[in-house]
Amino acid sequence: MSGRVQGKVALVTGGANGIGRACARLLAAEGAQVVISDIDEQAGQALAAEIGPAAAFVRHDASSESDWQQVMAYLRDRHGRLDILFNNAGILRSGSIEDTLLDDWHRVLQVNSDSVFLGCREGIALMKATGGSIINMSSIAALGGRGDYLAYSASKGAVAALSRSVAVHCRQRKYRIRCNTLHPDSVLTAMTRGSWPAGLAPERMTIDSDPMQRMCLPEDVAASVLFLASDESRAINGVELRVDSGQLLMSI
């Protein structure tokens, strides 16, 4: 199937690298006009140039309310609509309940949770006239316990709970806006690579090297984003979709 999001306008936050990069490429290849937003201007501009006329880059700190307002003004002026919002921007910091600093706690929740709150609030204002799909990046850390990533787990739990509320709100208001969350396990990106122990090659832990391994690739997550963004998933709302090769089940 091709053209699965033909004619739709998509915003991908944290879109310059990793999962966001793979999603921007795939959505554009399937017919969407993609706005890539990120604080990494060099990588974002290079990706937009690589994709071509179907993509544009805007600098965007997803934790900033004023930046969100500017991005929405850009979308309104350039496209007049927003059909797909992928709230993907995020950071990863380790720390347990005993050693996490309050500043680190605040920063992780600001980037991972506040950004999704702002994105949903501002996105709905633009989407509600025509409808659309909001896809929020959570994690299986929101569903299971991670003692070594306290703030990250809490931030992703907040995203999951917020998304359920958004799904209900839009259904009650009859906005024709769906809101779902993605819950990956480890994904092979530059961000996660830095969390692996020295001397251990994460590539050996991917499902490419062994289908029974737990780590997937950005393209695997992008395929789920495309499905949730397309009209194929029009009856799916408020769902927590795990992209984890069954890892959460293995830990029960």
C-alpha atoms as a PDB file:
ATOM      1  CA  MET A   1       0.000   0.000   0.000  1.00  0.00           C
ATOM      2  CA  SER A   2       1.295   3.477  -0.806  1.00  0.00           C
ATOM      3  CA  GLY A   3       0.105   6.993  -0.088  1.00  0.00           C
ATOM      4  CA  ARG A   4      -1.246   5.924   3.303  1.00  0.00           C
ATOM      5  CA  VAL A   5      -1.185   9.517   4.600  1.00  0.00           C
ATOM      6  CA  GLN A   6      -1.517  11.255   1.253  1.00  0.00           C
ATOM      7  CA  GLY A   7      -2.380  14.944   1.559  1.00  0.00           C
ATOM      8  CA  LYS A   8      -2.081  15.044   5.348  1.00  0.00           C
ATOM      9  CA  VAL A   9       0.026  17.568   7.270  1.00  0.00           C
ATOM     10  CA  ALA A  10       2.242  16.135   9.993  1.00  0.00           C
ATOM     11  CA  LEU A  11       4.337  17.641  12.767  1.00  0.00           C
ATOM     12  CA  VAL A  12       7.130  15.490  14.214  1.00  0.00           C
ATOM     13  CA  THR A  13       8.816  16.891  17.326  1.00  0.00           C
ATOM     14  CA  GLY A  14      12.339  15.741  18.051  1.00  0.00           C
ATOM     15  CA  GLY A  15      12.322  14.965  14.362  1.00  0.00           C
ATOM     16  CA  ALA A  16      15.955  15.578  13.456  1.00  0.00           C
ATOM     17  CA  ASN A  17      17.374  12.326  14.783  1.00  0.00           C
ATOM     18  CA  GLY A  18      16.568   8.777  15.838  1.00  0.00           C
ATOM     19  CA  ILE A  19      12.923   7.764  15.893  1.00  0.00           C
ATOM     20  CA  GLY A  20      11.739  11.191  14.769  1.00  0.00           C
ATOM     21  CA  ARG A  21      14.037  11.091  11.772  1.00  0.00           C
ATOM     22  CA  ALA A  22      12.751   7.674  10.688  1.00  0.00           C
ATOM     23  CA  CYS A  23       9.150   8.842  11.126  1.00  0.00           C
ATOM     24  CA  ALA A  24       9.624  12.037   9.137  1.00  0.00           C
ATOM     25  CA  ARG A  25      11.097  10.055   6.263  1.00  0.00           C
ATOM     26  CA  LEU A  26       8.334   7.454   6.264  1.00  0.00           C
ATOM     27  CA  LEU A  27       5.441   9.893   6.590  1.00  0.00           C
ATOM     28  CA  ALA A  28       6.815  11.968   3.709  1.00  0.00           C
ATOM     29  CA  ALA A  29       7.324   8.844   1.596  1.00  0.00           C
ATOM     30  CA  GLU A  30       3.679   7.937   2.214  1.00  0.00           C
ATOM     31  CA  GLY A  31       2.361  11.284   1.000  1.00  0.00           C
ATOM     32  CA  ALA A  32       2.349  13.645   3.997  1.00  0.00           C
ATOM     33  CA  GLN A  33       3.688  17.172   4.165  1.00  0.00           C
ATOM     34  CA  VAL A  34       6.014  16.901   7.157  1.00  0.00           C
ATOM     35  CA  VAL A  35       7.169  19.665   9.470  1.00  0.00           C
ATOM     36  CA  ILE A  36      10.239  18.545  11.389  1.00  0.00           C
ATOM     37  CA  SER A  37      10.802  20.344  14.673  1.00  0.00           C
ATOM     38  CA  ASP A  38      13.879  20.088  16.884  1.00  0.00           C
ATOM     39  CA  ILE A  39      16.522  22.089  18.751  1.00  0.00           C
ATOM     40  CA  ASP A  40      19.176  20.472  16.529  1.00  0.00           C
ATOM     41  CA  GLU A  41      19.017  22.930  13.651  1.00  0.00           C
ATOM     42  CA  GLN A  42      21.855  21.480  11.605  1.00  0.00           C
ATOM     43  CA  ALA A  43      20.498  17.926  11.580  1.00  0.00           C
ATOM     44  CA  GLY A  44      16.917  19.121  11.100  1.00  0.00           C
ATOM     45  CA  GLN A  45      17.715  21.305   8.125  1.00  0.00           C
ATOM     46  CA  ALA A  46      19.815  18.547   6.561  1.00  0.00           C
ATOM     47  CA  LEU A  47      16.972  16.055   6.921  1.00  0.00           C
ATOM     48  CA  ALA A  48      14.425  18.440   5.405  1.00  0.00           C
ATOM     49  CA  ALA A  49      16.774  19.033   2.464  1.00  0.00           C
ATOM     50  CA  GLU A  50      17.250  15.279   2.055  1.00  0.00           C
ATOM     51  CA  ILE A  51      13.496  14.603   2.010  1.00  0.00           C
ATOM     52  CA  GLY A  52      12.830  17.481  -0.379  1.00  0.00           C
ATOM     53  CA  PRO A  53       9.658  19.537  -1.035  1.00  0.00           C
ATOM     54  CA  ALA A  54       7.528  17.321   1.236  1.00  0.00           C
ATOM     55  CA  ALA A  55       9.431  18.475   4.343  1.00  0.00           C
ATOM     56  CA  ALA A  56      10.303  21.661   6.191  1.00  0.00           C
ATOM     57  CA  PHE A  57      12.259  22.313   9.377  1.00  0.00           C
ATOM     58  CA  VAL A  58      11.448  24.675  12.242  1.00  0.00           C
ATOM     59  CA  ARG A  59      13.582  25.196  15.316  1.00  0.00           C
ATOM     60  CA  HIS A  60      11.488  24.209  18.313  1.00  0.00           C
ATOM     61  CA  ASP A  61      12.144  23.658  21.989  1.00  0.00           C
ATOM     62  CA  ALA A  62       9.227  21.350  22.714  1.00  0.00           C
ATOM     63  CA  SER A  63       9.252  22.261  26.410  1.00  0.00           C
ATOM     64  CA  SER A  64       8.663  25.948  25.609  1.00  0.00           C
ATOM     65  CA  GLU A  65       5.094  27.294  25.506  1.00  0.00           C
ATOM     66  CA  SER A  66       6.072  30.225  23.281  1.00  0.00           C
ATOM     67  CA  ASP A  67       7.876  27.925  20.850  1.00  0.00           C
ATOM     68  CA  TRP A  68       4.743  25.788  20.545  1.00  0.00           C
ATOM     69  CA  GLN A  69       2.679  28.849  19.758  1.00  0.00           C
ATOM     70  CA  GLN A  70       5.161  29.879  17.059  1.00  0.00           C
ATOM     71  CA  VAL A  71       5.150  26.409  15.496  1.00  0.00           C
ATOM     72  CA  MET A  72       1.352  26.366  15.402  1.00  0.00           C
ATOM     73  CA  ALA A  73       1.327  29.814  13.800  1.00  0.00           C
ATOM     74  CA  TYR A  74       3.755  28.486  11.172  1.00  0.00           C
ATOM     75  CA  LEU A  75       1.505  25.492  10.455  1.00  0.00           C
ATOM     76  CA  ARG A  76      -1.587  27.680  10.286  1.00  0.00           C
ATOM     77  CA  ASP A  77       0.047  30.154   7.902  1.00  0.00           C
ATOM     78  CA  ARG A  78       1.734  27.571   5.675  1.00  0.00           C
ATOM     79  CA  HIS A  79      -0.808  24.733   5.603  1.00  0.00           C
ATOM     80  CA  GLY A  80      -3.953  25.966   7.349  1.00  0.00           C
ATOM     81  CA  ARG A  81      -4.329  22.650   9.169  1.00  0.00           C
ATOM     82  CA  LEU A  82      -2.672  19.860  11.152  1.00  0.00           C
ATOM     83  CA  ASP A  83      -3.662  16.232  10.661  1.00  0.00           C
ATOM     84  CA  ILE A  84      -0.910  14.288  12.429  1.00  0.00           C
ATOM     85  CA  LEU A  85       0.930  15.265  15.597  1.00  0.00           C
ATOM     86  CA  PHE A  86       3.734  13.002  16.779  1.00  0.00           C
ATOM     87  CA  ASN A  87       4.943  14.203  20.183  1.00  0.00           C
ATOM     88  CA  ASN A  88       8.301  12.479  20.120  1.00  0.00           C
ATOM     89  CA  ALA A  89      10.826  14.868  21.700  1.00  0.00           C
ATOM     90  CA  GLY A  90      12.409  13.487  24.841  1.00  0.00           C
ATOM     91  CA  ILE A  91      15.528  12.963  26.925  1.00  0.00           C
ATOM     92  CA  LEU A  92      16.877  10.079  28.970  1.00  0.00           C
ATOM     93  CA  ARG A  93      18.630  10.442  32.327  1.00  0.00           C
ATOM     94  CA  SER A  94      19.416   7.654  34.757  1.00  0.00           C
ATOM     95  CA  GLY A  95      18.903   7.786  38.503  1.00  0.00           C
ATOM     96  CA  SER A  96      17.055   5.945  41.243  1.00  0.00           C
ATOM     97  CA  ILE A  97      14.758   7.333  43.936  1.00  0.00           C
ATOM     98  CA  GLU A  98      17.811   7.679  46.193  1.00  0.00           C
ATOM     99  CA  ASP A  99      20.165   9.536  43.878  1.00  0.00           C
ATOM    100  CA  THR A 100      18.025  11.553  41.445  1.00  0.00           C
ATOM    101  CA  LEU A 101      18.566  15.274  41.875  1.00  0.00           C
ATOM    102  CA  LEU A 102      15.512  17.534  41.945  1.00  0.00           C
ATOM    103  CA  ASP A 103      16.890  19.570  39.023  1.00  0.00           C
ATOM    104  CA  ASP A 104      17.210  16.393  36.936  1.00  0.00           C
ATOM    105  CA  TRP A 105      13.692  15.330  37.915  1.00  0.00           C
ATOM    106  CA  HIS A 106      12.290  18.685  36.828  1.00  0.00           C
ATOM    107  CA  ARG A 107      14.224  18.732  33.561  1.00  0.00           C
ATOM    108  CA  VAL A 108      13.179  15.243  32.491  1.00  0.00           C
ATOM    109  CA  LEU A 109       9.519  15.914  33.225  1.00  0.00           C
ATOM    110  CA  GLN A 110       9.733  19.296  31.517  1.00  0.00           C
ATOM    111  CA  VAL A 111      11.067  17.839  28.270  1.00  0.00           C
ATOM    112  CA  ASN A 112       9.221  14.516  28.276  1.00  0.00           C
ATOM    113  CA  SER A 113       5.863  15.427  29.858  1.00  0.00           C
ATOM    114  CA  ASP A 114       5.340  19.184  29.660  1.00  0.00           C
ATOM    115  CA  SER A 115       6.110  19.051  25.946  1.00  0.00           C
ATOM    116  CA  VAL A 116       3.322  16.540  25.358  1.00  0.00           C
ATOM    117  CA  PHE A 117       0.850  18.573  27.413  1.00  0.00           C
ATOM    118  CA  LEU A 118       1.716  21.693  25.401  1.00  0.00           C
ATOM    119  CA  GLY A 119       1.654  19.810  22.115  1.00  0.00           C
ATOM    120  CA  CYS A 120      -1.761  18.289  22.760  1.00  0.00           C
ATOM    121  CA  ARG A 121      -3.257  21.560  23.962  1.00  0.00           C
ATOM    122  CA  GLU A 122      -1.935  23.620  21.069  1.00  0.00           C
ATOM    123  CA  GLY A 123      -2.423  20.848  18.520  1.00  0.00           C
ATOM    124  CA  ILE A 124      -6.081  20.289  19.381  1.00  0.00           C
ATOM    125  CA  ALA A 125      -6.801  23.979  18.862  1.00  0.00           C
ATOM    126  CA  LEU A 126      -5.615  23.655  15.254  1.00  0.00           C
ATOM    127  CA  MET A 127      -6.864  20.109  14.588  1.00  0.00           C
ATOM    128  CA  LYS A 128     -10.378  20.210  15.960  1.00  0.00           C
ATOM    129  CA  ALA A 129     -11.967  21.793  12.890  1.00  0.00           C
ATOM    130  CA  THR A 130     -10.885  18.949  10.609  1.00  0.00           C
ATOM    131  CA  GLY A 131      -9.891  16.111  12.967  1.00  0.00           C
ATOM    132  CA  GLY A 132      -6.648  14.224  13.148  1.00  0.00           C
ATOM    133  CA  SER A 133      -4.396  11.811  14.983  1.00  0.00           C
ATOM    134  CA  ILE A 134      -2.186  12.574  17.981  1.00  0.00           C
ATOM    135  CA  ILE A 135       0.535  10.039  18.739  1.00  0.00           C
ATOM    136  CA  ASN A 136       2.437  10.480  21.984  1.00  0.00           C
ATOM    137  CA  MET A 137       5.735   8.786  22.740  1.00  0.00           C
ATOM    138  CA  SER A 138       5.680   6.904  26.008  1.00  0.00           C
ATOM    139  CA  SER A 139       7.668   3.784  26.963  1.00  0.00           C
ATOM    140  CA  ILE A 140       7.263   0.368  28.526  1.00  0.00           C
ATOM    141  CA  ALA A 141       8.964   2.086  31.479  1.00  0.00           C
ATOM    142  CA  ALA A 142       5.541   3.672  32.033  1.00  0.00           C
ATOM    143  CA  LEU A 143       3.968   0.232  32.390  1.00  0.00           C
ATOM    144  CA  GLY A 144       6.654  -1.681  34.279  1.00  0.00           C
ATOM    145  CA  GLY A 145       9.146  -0.674  36.952  1.00  0.00           C
ATOM    146  CA  ARG A 146      12.614   0.716  36.208  1.00  0.00           C
ATOM    147  CA  GLY A 147      14.471   1.377  39.410  1.00  0.00           C
ATOM    148  CA  ASP A 148      17.402   2.969  37.597  1.00  0.00           C
ATOM    149  CA  TYR A 149      15.370   5.464  35.517  1.00  0.00           C
ATOM    150  CA  LEU A 150      13.011   7.036  38.029  1.00  0.00           C
ATOM    151  CA  ALA A 151      12.364  10.422  36.411  1.00  0.00           C
ATOM    152  CA  TYR A 152      12.172   8.961  32.910  1.00  0.00           C
ATOM    153  CA  SER A 153       9.656   6.303  34.006  1.00  0.00           C
ATOM    154  CA  ALA A 154       7.547   8.894  35.816  1.00  0.00           C
ATOM    155  CA  SER A 155       7.586  11.234  32.827  1.00  0.00           C
ATOM    156  CA  LYS A 156       6.418   8.493  30.485  1.00  0.00           C
ATOM    157  CA  GLY A 157       3.729   7.411  32.936  1.00  0.00           C
ATOM    158  CA  ALA A 158       2.461  10.981  32.901  1.00  0.00           C
ATOM    159  CA  VAL A 159       2.345  10.902  29.099  1.00  0.00           C
ATOM    160  CA  ALA A 160       0.249   7.731  29.132  1.00  0.00           C
ATOM    161  CA  ALA A 161      -2.250   9.115  31.647  1.00  0.00           C
ATOM    162  CA  LEU A 162      -2.455  12.474  29.890  1.00  0.00           C
ATOM    163  CA  SER A 163      -3.104  10.745  26.572  1.00  0.00           C
ATOM    164  CA  ARG A 164      -6.030   8.766  27.951  1.00  0.00           C
ATOM    165  CA  SER A 165      -7.572  12.000  29.193  1.00  0.00           C
ATOM    166  CA  VAL A 166      -7.024  13.660  25.821  1.00  0.00           C
ATOM    167  CA  ALA A 167      -8.656  10.729  24.008  1.00  0.00           C
ATOM    168  CA  VAL A 168     -11.721  10.941  26.254  1.00  0.00           C
ATOM    169  CA  HIS A 169     -11.924  14.731  26.017  1.00  0.00           C
ATOM    170  CA  CYS A 170     -11.839  14.740  22.209  1.00  0.00           C
ATOM    171  CA  ARG A 171     -14.394  11.932  22.013  1.00  0.00           C
ATOM    172  CA  GLN A 172     -16.738  13.786  24.376  1.00  0.00           C
ATOM    173  CA  ARG A 173     -16.371  16.990  22.354  1.00  0.00           C
ATOM    174  CA  LYS A 174     -16.832  15.082  19.079  1.00  0.00           C
ATOM    175  CA  TYR A 175     -13.629  16.580  17.671  1.00  0.00           C
ATOM    176  CA  ARG A 176     -12.747  13.511  15.538  1.00  0.00           C
ATOM    177  CA  ILE A 177      -9.271  13.631  17.052  1.00  0.00           C
ATOM    178  CA  ARG A 178      -7.752  10.346  18.177  1.00  0.00           C
ATOM    179  CA  CYS A 179      -4.964  10.170  20.756  1.00  0.00           C
ATOM    180  CA  ASN A 180      -2.817   7.081  21.271  1.00  0.00           C
ATOM    181  CA  THR A 181       0.503   6.285  22.915  1.00  0.00           C
ATOM    182  CA  LEU A 182       3.476   4.251  21.776  1.00  0.00           C
ATOM    183  CA  HIS A 183       5.391   2.221  24.343  1.00  0.00           C
ATOM    184  CA  PRO A 184       8.704   1.004  22.909  1.00  0.00           C
ATOM    185  CA  ASP A 185      11.327  -0.918  24.807  1.00  0.00           C
ATOM    186  CA  SER A 186      14.941  -0.160  23.892  1.00  0.00           C
ATOM    187  CA  VAL A 187      15.301   1.379  20.431  1.00  0.00           C
ATOM    188  CA  LEU A 188      18.717   1.630  18.789  1.00  0.00           C
ATOM    189  CA  THR A 189      19.301   5.393  18.659  1.00  0.00           C
ATOM    190  CA  ALA A 190      22.135   7.721  19.627  1.00  0.00           C
ATOM    191  CA  MET A 191      20.275   8.557  22.854  1.00  0.00           C
ATOM    192  CA  THR A 192      19.914   4.954  24.019  1.00  0.00           C
ATOM    193  CA  ARG A 193      23.367   3.947  22.785  1.00  0.00           C
ATOM    194  CA  GLY A 194      24.917   6.152  25.453  1.00  0.00           C
ATOM    195  CA  SER A 195      23.112   4.237  28.220  1.00  0.00           C
ATOM    196  CA  TRP A 196      24.616   0.863  27.364  1.00  0.00           C
ATOM    197  CA  PRO A 197      27.615  -0.480  29.335  1.00  0.00           C
ATOM    198  CA  ALA A 198      31.058   0.121  27.849  1.00  0.00           C
ATOM    199  CA  GLY A 199      32.220  -2.700  25.626  1.00  0.00           C
ATOM    200  CA  LEU A 200      28.728  -3.979  24.818  1.00  0.00           C
ATOM    201  CA  ALA A 201      27.654  -3.454  21.211  1.00  0.00           C
ATOM    202  CA  PRO A 202      23.915  -2.703  21.150  1.00  0.00           C
ATOM    203  CA  GLU A 203      23.718  -3.843  17.518  1.00  0.00           C
ATOM    204  CA  ARG A 204      24.130  -7.402  18.808  1.00  0.00           C
ATOM    205  CA  MET A 205      20.937  -6.963  20.853  1.00  0.00           C
ATOM    206  CA  THR A 206      18.639  -5.953  17.976  1.00  0.00           C
ATOM    207  CA  ILE A 207      15.918  -8.036  16.384  1.00  0.00           C
ATOM    208  CA  ASP A 208      17.901  -7.716  13.136  1.00  0.00           C
ATOM    209  CA  SER A 209      20.707  -9.815  14.575  1.00  0.00           C
ATOM    210  CA  ASP A 210      18.350 -12.186  16.405  1.00  0.00           C
ATOM    211  CA  PRO A 211      14.528 -12.094  16.209  1.00  0.00           C
ATOM    212  CA  MET A 212      14.388 -13.091  19.883  1.00  0.00           C
ATOM    213  CA  GLN A 213      16.333 -10.043  21.051  1.00  0.00           C
ATOM    214  CA  ARG A 214      14.559  -7.069  22.640  1.00  0.00           C
ATOM    215  CA  MET A 215      15.955  -4.005  20.863  1.00  0.00           C
ATOM    216  CA  CYS A 216      14.186  -2.705  17.755  1.00  0.00           C
ATOM    217  CA  LEU A 217      15.189  -0.057  15.234  1.00  0.00           C
ATOM    218  CA  PRO A 218      13.735   3.440  14.696  1.00  0.00           C
ATOM    219  CA  GLU A 219      12.084   2.174  11.525  1.00  0.00           C
ATOM    220  CA  ASP A 220      10.085  -0.356  13.553  1.00  0.00           C
ATOM    221  CA  VAL A 221       8.608   2.442  15.649  1.00  0.00           C
ATOM    222  CA  ALA A 222       8.032   4.557  12.537  1.00  0.00           C
ATOM    223  CA  ALA A 223       5.881   1.792  11.048  1.00  0.00           C
ATOM    224  CA  SER A 224       3.610   1.959  14.105  1.00  0.00           C
ATOM    225  CA  VAL A 225       3.456   5.749  13.887  1.00  0.00           C
ATOM    226  CA  LEU A 226       2.425   5.505  10.239  1.00  0.00           C
ATOM    227  CA  PHE A 227      -0.377   3.082  11.111  1.00  0.00           C
ATOM    228  CA  LEU A 228      -1.719   5.286  13.910  1.00  0.00           C
ATOM    229  CA  ALA A 229      -1.430   8.362  11.688  1.00  0.00           C
ATOM    230  CA  SER A 230      -3.342   6.780   8.813  1.00  0.00           C
ATOM    231  CA  ASP A 231      -7.070   6.279   8.378  1.00  0.00           C
ATOM    232  CA  GLU A 232      -6.461   2.533   8.738  1.00  0.00           C
ATOM    233  CA  SER A 233      -6.514   3.110  12.499  1.00  0.00           C
ATOM    234  CA  ARG A 234      -9.608   5.324  12.518  1.00  0.00           C
ATOM    235  CA  ALA A 235     -11.314   3.158  15.160  1.00  0.00           C
ATOM    236  CA  ILE A 236      -8.268   3.062  17.458  1.00  0.00           C
ATOM    237  CA  ASN A 237      -8.357   5.672  20.208  1.00  0.00           C
ATOM    238  CA  GLY A 238      -6.873   5.794  23.702  1.00  0.00           C
ATOM    239  CA  VAL A 239      -4.701   2.744  23.012  1.00  0.00           C
ATOM    240  CA  GLU A 240      -1.293   2.032  24.557  1.00  0.00           C
ATOM    241  CA  LEU A 241       0.579   0.250  21.779  1.00  0.00           C
ATOM    242  CA  ARG A 242       3.645  -1.652  22.911  1.00  0.00           C
ATOM    243  CA  VAL A 243       6.520  -1.887  20.426  1.00  0.00           C
ATOM    244  CA  ASP A 244       8.710  -4.061  22.602  1.00  0.00           C
ATOM    245  CA  SER A 245       9.019  -7.531  21.033  1.00  0.00           C
ATOM    246  CA  GLY A 246       7.047  -8.889  23.989  1.00  0.00           C
ATOM    247  CA  GLN A 247       9.651  -7.737  26.529  1.00  0.00           C
ATOM    248  CA  LEU A 248       7.091  -6.481  29.058  1.00  0.00           C
ATOM    249  CA  LEU A 249       5.405  -9.878  29.096  1.00  0.00           C
ATOM    250  CA  MET A 250       8.765 -11.549  29.661  1.00  0.00           C
ATOM    251  CA  SER A 251       9.242  -9.547  32.844  1.00  0.00           C
ATOM    252  CA  ILE A 252       5.965 -10.604  34.467  1.00  0.00           C
END
